[in-house]
N, C-alpha and C. Protein backbone atom coordinates (compact mmCIF):
# COMPACT_ATOMS: atom_id res chain seq x y z
N MET A 1 -43.21 2.45 2.03
CA MET A 1 -42.42 2.11 3.20
C MET A 1 -41.01 1.74 2.73
N LYS A 2 -40.03 2.22 3.46
CA LYS A 2 -38.63 1.92 3.16
C LYS A 2 -38.12 0.93 4.21
N THR A 3 -37.07 0.22 3.84
CA THR A 3 -36.47 -0.76 4.74
C THR A 3 -35.13 -0.24 5.24
N PHE A 4 -34.84 -0.48 6.53
CA PHE A 4 -33.63 0.02 7.16
C PHE A 4 -32.95 -1.08 7.97
N LEU A 5 -31.64 -1.08 7.90
CA LEU A 5 -30.82 -1.97 8.71
C LEU A 5 -30.31 -1.18 9.91
N ALA A 6 -30.60 -1.66 11.10
CA ALA A 6 -30.09 -1.04 12.32
C ALA A 6 -29.00 -1.95 12.86
N VAL A 7 -27.82 -1.37 13.05
CA VAL A 7 -26.68 -2.13 13.53
C VAL A 7 -26.32 -1.61 14.92
N TYR A 8 -26.26 -2.53 15.87
CA TYR A 8 -25.93 -2.18 17.25
C TYR A 8 -24.40 -2.15 17.38
N ILE A 9 -23.89 -1.05 17.94
CA ILE A 9 -22.45 -0.83 18.06
C ILE A 9 -22.05 -0.86 19.52
N GLY A 10 -20.98 -1.54 19.81
CA GLY A 10 -20.42 -1.58 21.15
C GLY A 10 -18.94 -1.92 21.05
N ARG A 11 -18.13 -1.13 21.65
CA ARG A 11 -16.68 -1.37 21.58
C ARG A 11 -16.32 -2.65 22.33
N PRO A 12 -15.57 -3.53 21.70
CA PRO A 12 -15.17 -4.77 22.37
C PRO A 12 -14.33 -4.48 23.61
N ASN A 13 -14.64 -5.18 24.67
CA ASN A 13 -13.87 -5.08 25.90
C ASN A 13 -12.99 -6.33 25.97
N PRO A 14 -11.69 -6.18 25.78
CA PRO A 14 -10.83 -7.37 25.76
C PRO A 14 -10.81 -8.11 27.10
N ASP A 15 -11.22 -7.44 28.17
CA ASP A 15 -11.20 -8.08 29.49
C ASP A 15 -12.50 -8.79 29.83
N GLN A 16 -13.55 -8.61 28.99
CA GLN A 16 -14.83 -9.22 29.32
C GLN A 16 -15.57 -9.60 28.06
N SER A 17 -15.92 -10.87 27.93
CA SER A 17 -16.72 -11.33 26.80
C SER A 17 -18.19 -11.09 27.10
N GLY A 18 -19.03 -11.29 26.09
CA GLY A 18 -20.47 -11.19 26.31
C GLY A 18 -20.93 -12.20 27.35
N GLU A 19 -20.33 -13.41 27.31
CA GLU A 19 -20.67 -14.43 28.31
C GLU A 19 -20.30 -13.95 29.71
N ASP A 20 -19.12 -13.32 29.84
CA ASP A 20 -18.68 -12.80 31.14
C ASP A 20 -19.66 -11.75 31.64
N PHE A 21 -20.07 -10.84 30.75
CA PHE A 21 -20.99 -9.78 31.15
C PHE A 21 -22.29 -10.39 31.65
N ARG A 22 -22.84 -11.37 30.90
CA ARG A 22 -24.09 -11.99 31.29
C ARG A 22 -23.95 -12.72 32.64
N ARG A 23 -22.84 -13.42 32.84
CA ARG A 23 -22.61 -14.15 34.08
C ARG A 23 -22.45 -13.20 35.27
N ASP A 24 -21.72 -12.10 35.07
CA ASP A 24 -21.40 -11.19 36.17
C ASP A 24 -22.51 -10.18 36.48
N ASN A 25 -23.49 -10.03 35.59
CA ASN A 25 -24.53 -9.01 35.75
C ASN A 25 -25.93 -9.58 35.49
N PRO A 26 -26.31 -10.66 36.17
CA PRO A 26 -27.59 -11.30 35.83
C PRO A 26 -28.80 -10.38 35.99
N GLN A 27 -28.81 -9.54 37.03
CA GLN A 27 -29.95 -8.64 37.23
C GLN A 27 -30.02 -7.60 36.11
N LYS A 28 -28.87 -7.03 35.76
CA LYS A 28 -28.83 -6.04 34.69
C LYS A 28 -29.25 -6.65 33.36
N VAL A 29 -28.81 -7.88 33.12
CA VAL A 29 -29.18 -8.57 31.88
C VAL A 29 -30.69 -8.84 31.87
N ALA A 30 -31.25 -9.28 32.98
CA ALA A 30 -32.69 -9.55 33.05
C ALA A 30 -33.49 -8.28 32.80
N GLU A 31 -33.07 -7.18 33.41
CA GLU A 31 -33.75 -5.89 33.20
C GLU A 31 -33.61 -5.45 31.74
N GLY A 32 -32.43 -5.63 31.18
CA GLY A 32 -32.20 -5.25 29.79
C GLY A 32 -33.03 -6.07 28.82
N MET A 33 -33.12 -7.38 29.07
CA MET A 33 -33.92 -8.23 28.18
C MET A 33 -35.41 -7.91 28.28
N ALA A 34 -35.87 -7.55 29.48
CA ALA A 34 -37.27 -7.13 29.63
C ALA A 34 -37.51 -5.85 28.84
N ALA A 35 -36.56 -4.90 28.93
CA ALA A 35 -36.68 -3.64 28.18
C ALA A 35 -36.62 -3.91 26.68
N TRP A 36 -35.75 -4.83 26.28
CA TRP A 36 -35.63 -5.19 24.85
C TRP A 36 -36.96 -5.78 24.36
N GLY A 37 -37.53 -6.69 25.14
CA GLY A 37 -38.81 -7.27 24.77
C GLY A 37 -39.90 -6.23 24.63
N LYS A 38 -39.92 -5.26 25.54
CA LYS A 38 -40.90 -4.18 25.45
C LYS A 38 -40.67 -3.36 24.18
N TRP A 39 -39.39 -3.05 23.88
CA TRP A 39 -39.09 -2.29 22.67
C TRP A 39 -39.58 -3.06 21.44
N MET A 40 -39.33 -4.36 21.40
CA MET A 40 -39.77 -5.18 20.25
C MET A 40 -41.30 -5.18 20.14
N THR A 41 -41.99 -5.28 21.26
CA THR A 41 -43.45 -5.26 21.25
C THR A 41 -43.96 -3.89 20.80
N ASP A 42 -43.38 -2.83 21.33
CA ASP A 42 -43.79 -1.47 20.98
C ASP A 42 -43.58 -1.17 19.50
N HIS A 43 -42.59 -1.81 18.87
CA HIS A 43 -42.25 -1.55 17.47
C HIS A 43 -42.56 -2.74 16.56
N ALA A 44 -43.39 -3.66 17.02
CA ALA A 44 -43.67 -4.90 16.28
C ALA A 44 -44.15 -4.64 14.85
N ALA A 45 -44.95 -3.61 14.65
CA ALA A 45 -45.47 -3.32 13.31
C ALA A 45 -44.36 -2.90 12.35
N ALA A 46 -43.26 -2.37 12.86
CA ALA A 46 -42.17 -1.89 12.01
C ALA A 46 -41.04 -2.91 11.85
N VAL A 47 -40.96 -3.90 12.74
CA VAL A 47 -39.85 -4.86 12.70
C VAL A 47 -40.09 -5.89 11.61
N VAL A 48 -39.17 -5.94 10.65
CA VAL A 48 -39.24 -6.91 9.55
C VAL A 48 -38.48 -8.18 9.93
N VAL A 49 -37.28 -8.00 10.48
CA VAL A 49 -36.45 -9.11 10.96
C VAL A 49 -35.96 -8.72 12.35
N PRO A 50 -36.31 -9.49 13.38
CA PRO A 50 -35.87 -9.13 14.73
C PRO A 50 -34.35 -9.09 14.86
N GLY A 51 -33.65 -9.90 14.06
CA GLY A 51 -32.20 -9.93 14.14
C GLY A 51 -31.74 -10.63 15.39
N GLY A 52 -30.62 -10.17 15.93
CA GLY A 52 -30.08 -10.79 17.12
C GLY A 52 -28.64 -10.39 17.34
N PRO A 53 -28.03 -10.96 18.37
CA PRO A 53 -26.63 -10.65 18.66
C PRO A 53 -25.72 -11.26 17.59
N LEU A 54 -24.55 -10.67 17.44
CA LEU A 54 -23.57 -11.16 16.47
C LEU A 54 -22.39 -11.78 17.20
N GLY A 55 -21.85 -12.84 16.64
CA GLY A 55 -20.71 -13.52 17.23
C GLY A 55 -19.39 -13.07 16.64
N LYS A 56 -18.39 -13.91 16.77
CA LYS A 56 -17.05 -13.60 16.26
C LYS A 56 -17.11 -13.40 14.76
N THR A 57 -16.19 -12.58 14.24
CA THR A 57 -16.20 -12.19 12.84
C THR A 57 -15.02 -12.77 12.09
N LYS A 58 -15.27 -13.22 10.87
CA LYS A 58 -14.24 -13.61 9.93
C LYS A 58 -14.43 -12.75 8.69
N ALA A 59 -13.34 -12.39 8.05
CA ALA A 59 -13.39 -11.57 6.84
C ALA A 59 -12.84 -12.37 5.67
N ALA A 60 -13.49 -12.25 4.52
CA ALA A 60 -13.00 -12.84 3.28
C ALA A 60 -12.50 -11.71 2.40
N SER A 61 -11.33 -11.90 1.82
CA SER A 61 -10.76 -10.89 0.92
C SER A 61 -9.94 -11.60 -0.15
N ALA A 62 -9.34 -10.84 -1.02
CA ALA A 62 -8.48 -11.41 -2.06
C ALA A 62 -7.30 -12.17 -1.43
N LYS A 63 -6.98 -11.85 -0.19
CA LYS A 63 -5.86 -12.52 0.51
C LYS A 63 -6.30 -13.79 1.23
N GLY A 64 -7.59 -14.06 1.25
CA GLY A 64 -8.09 -15.25 1.94
C GLY A 64 -9.02 -14.90 3.07
N VAL A 65 -9.06 -15.75 4.08
CA VAL A 65 -9.96 -15.60 5.22
C VAL A 65 -9.12 -15.26 6.45
N SER A 66 -9.62 -14.32 7.25
CA SER A 66 -8.92 -13.95 8.48
C SER A 66 -9.91 -13.65 9.58
N ASP A 67 -9.45 -13.79 10.82
CA ASP A 67 -10.25 -13.39 11.98
C ASP A 67 -10.08 -11.89 12.15
N VAL A 68 -11.18 -11.18 12.40
CA VAL A 68 -11.12 -9.74 12.61
C VAL A 68 -12.00 -9.36 13.80
N ARG A 69 -11.79 -8.17 14.32
CA ARG A 69 -12.62 -7.63 15.39
C ARG A 69 -13.24 -6.34 14.90
N ASN A 70 -14.48 -6.12 15.28
CA ASN A 70 -15.15 -4.86 14.97
C ASN A 70 -16.09 -4.54 16.12
N ALA A 71 -16.81 -3.46 15.99
CA ALA A 71 -17.69 -3.01 17.06
C ALA A 71 -19.15 -3.41 16.85
N LEU A 72 -19.42 -4.26 15.86
CA LEU A 72 -20.79 -4.68 15.59
C LEU A 72 -21.21 -5.74 16.60
N THR A 73 -22.35 -5.51 17.25
CA THR A 73 -22.80 -6.45 18.28
C THR A 73 -24.15 -7.10 17.97
N GLY A 74 -24.91 -6.54 17.03
CA GLY A 74 -26.21 -7.10 16.71
C GLY A 74 -26.87 -6.30 15.60
N PHE A 75 -28.06 -6.74 15.18
CA PHE A 75 -28.78 -6.04 14.11
C PHE A 75 -30.28 -6.28 14.22
N THR A 76 -31.03 -5.39 13.59
CA THR A 76 -32.49 -5.50 13.43
C THR A 76 -32.82 -4.85 12.10
N ILE A 77 -33.83 -5.36 11.40
CA ILE A 77 -34.30 -4.73 10.17
C ILE A 77 -35.71 -4.21 10.42
N VAL A 78 -35.92 -2.94 10.11
CA VAL A 78 -37.21 -2.30 10.33
C VAL A 78 -37.69 -1.61 9.05
N GLN A 79 -38.97 -1.28 9.03
CA GLN A 79 -39.55 -0.46 7.96
C GLN A 79 -40.06 0.83 8.56
N ALA A 80 -39.92 1.91 7.79
CA ALA A 80 -40.41 3.22 8.21
C ALA A 80 -40.64 4.07 6.97
N GLU A 81 -41.36 5.16 7.14
CA GLU A 81 -41.64 6.07 6.03
C GLU A 81 -40.39 6.84 5.60
N SER A 82 -39.48 7.09 6.56
CA SER A 82 -38.28 7.89 6.25
C SER A 82 -37.11 7.44 7.12
N HIS A 83 -35.93 7.88 6.71
CA HIS A 83 -34.73 7.59 7.50
C HIS A 83 -34.86 8.19 8.89
N GLU A 84 -35.36 9.42 8.96
CA GLU A 84 -35.55 10.10 10.24
C GLU A 84 -36.51 9.31 11.14
N ALA A 85 -37.60 8.82 10.59
CA ALA A 85 -38.56 8.04 11.38
C ALA A 85 -37.93 6.74 11.86
N ALA A 86 -37.12 6.12 11.01
CA ALA A 86 -36.47 4.86 11.39
C ALA A 86 -35.50 5.07 12.55
N VAL A 87 -34.64 6.08 12.43
CA VAL A 87 -33.63 6.28 13.48
C VAL A 87 -34.28 6.71 14.80
N LYS A 88 -35.38 7.42 14.73
CA LYS A 88 -36.06 7.85 15.97
C LYS A 88 -36.61 6.67 16.77
N MET A 89 -36.86 5.54 16.09
CA MET A 89 -37.32 4.34 16.81
C MET A 89 -36.28 3.89 17.83
N PHE A 90 -35.02 4.22 17.59
CA PHE A 90 -33.94 3.72 18.42
C PHE A 90 -33.47 4.71 19.50
N LEU A 91 -34.15 5.85 19.61
CA LEU A 91 -33.85 6.75 20.72
C LEU A 91 -34.17 6.03 22.02
N ASN A 92 -33.31 6.09 22.98
CA ASN A 92 -33.49 5.43 24.28
C ASN A 92 -33.65 3.92 24.18
N HIS A 93 -33.01 3.32 23.19
CA HIS A 93 -33.07 1.87 23.00
C HIS A 93 -32.32 1.14 24.13
N PRO A 94 -32.80 -0.02 24.56
CA PRO A 94 -32.13 -0.76 25.63
C PRO A 94 -30.67 -1.11 25.33
N HIS A 95 -30.28 -1.15 24.06
CA HIS A 95 -28.90 -1.49 23.72
C HIS A 95 -27.90 -0.59 24.45
N TYR A 96 -28.21 0.66 24.58
CA TYR A 96 -27.28 1.56 25.27
C TYR A 96 -27.84 2.14 26.57
N THR A 97 -29.09 1.85 26.89
CA THR A 97 -29.61 2.29 28.19
C THR A 97 -29.50 1.20 29.25
N HIS A 98 -29.44 -0.09 28.85
CA HIS A 98 -29.38 -1.19 29.80
C HIS A 98 -28.15 -2.08 29.63
N PHE A 99 -27.51 -2.02 28.47
CA PHE A 99 -26.35 -2.85 28.19
C PHE A 99 -25.15 -1.94 27.94
N PRO A 100 -23.97 -2.51 27.83
CA PRO A 100 -22.80 -1.66 27.57
C PRO A 100 -22.65 -1.30 26.09
N GLY A 101 -23.77 -1.07 25.40
CA GLY A 101 -23.73 -0.68 24.01
C GLY A 101 -23.43 0.80 23.85
N GLU A 102 -22.92 1.15 22.69
CA GLU A 102 -22.51 2.53 22.43
C GLU A 102 -23.56 3.31 21.64
N SER A 103 -24.09 2.70 20.59
CA SER A 103 -25.06 3.40 19.74
C SER A 103 -25.77 2.38 18.84
N VAL A 104 -26.74 2.88 18.09
CA VAL A 104 -27.41 2.10 17.06
C VAL A 104 -27.31 2.92 15.78
N GLU A 105 -26.67 2.35 14.76
CA GLU A 105 -26.54 3.03 13.47
C GLU A 105 -27.61 2.49 12.53
N VAL A 106 -28.32 3.40 11.86
CA VAL A 106 -29.45 3.02 11.02
C VAL A 106 -29.19 3.49 9.60
N MET A 107 -29.29 2.56 8.64
CA MET A 107 -29.07 2.91 7.24
C MET A 107 -30.14 2.29 6.37
N GLU A 108 -30.52 3.01 5.31
CA GLU A 108 -31.53 2.51 4.39
C GLU A 108 -30.96 1.37 3.55
N VAL A 109 -31.77 0.35 3.34
CA VAL A 109 -31.42 -0.74 2.44
C VAL A 109 -31.91 -0.30 1.05
N LEU A 110 -30.98 -0.02 0.16
CA LEU A 110 -31.30 0.52 -1.15
C LEU A 110 -31.55 -0.61 -2.16
N PRO A 111 -32.28 -0.30 -3.22
CA PRO A 111 -32.51 -1.33 -4.25
C PRO A 111 -31.19 -1.65 -4.96
N ILE A 112 -31.09 -2.87 -5.45
CA ILE A 112 -29.92 -3.29 -6.20
C ILE A 112 -29.96 -2.58 -7.55
N PRO A 113 -28.88 -1.89 -7.93
CA PRO A 113 -28.87 -1.17 -9.21
C PRO A 113 -29.14 -2.12 -10.39
N GLY A 114 -30.02 -1.70 -11.27
CA GLY A 114 -30.33 -2.47 -12.46
C GLY A 114 -31.27 -3.63 -12.24
N ALA A 115 -31.71 -3.83 -11.00
CA ALA A 115 -32.60 -4.97 -10.73
C ALA A 115 -34.04 -4.61 -11.02
């Protein structure tokens, strides 16, 4: 079994925060969370870390620490036999069928070289 990181992508809307979306769309959020719960139950055997939503981002670099914006909105870690099998778990995922999400990007977590 291989391990995969699934990253939920959604373009930031400068006019609406996640809190605004939840406040303004309670029915849509309730339906989305029910769908999310079903997805988690349906894939429980493959989910290693349920993950969750991501908040504001800070970046560390040689220049110091800065506030940055990106399109990452959440993550989940799953196990599957192959990359293809892992990504297929996210077809019709509630992230983009019920929420204003754009996609789910899935990448294999590789072993640390020399470890």
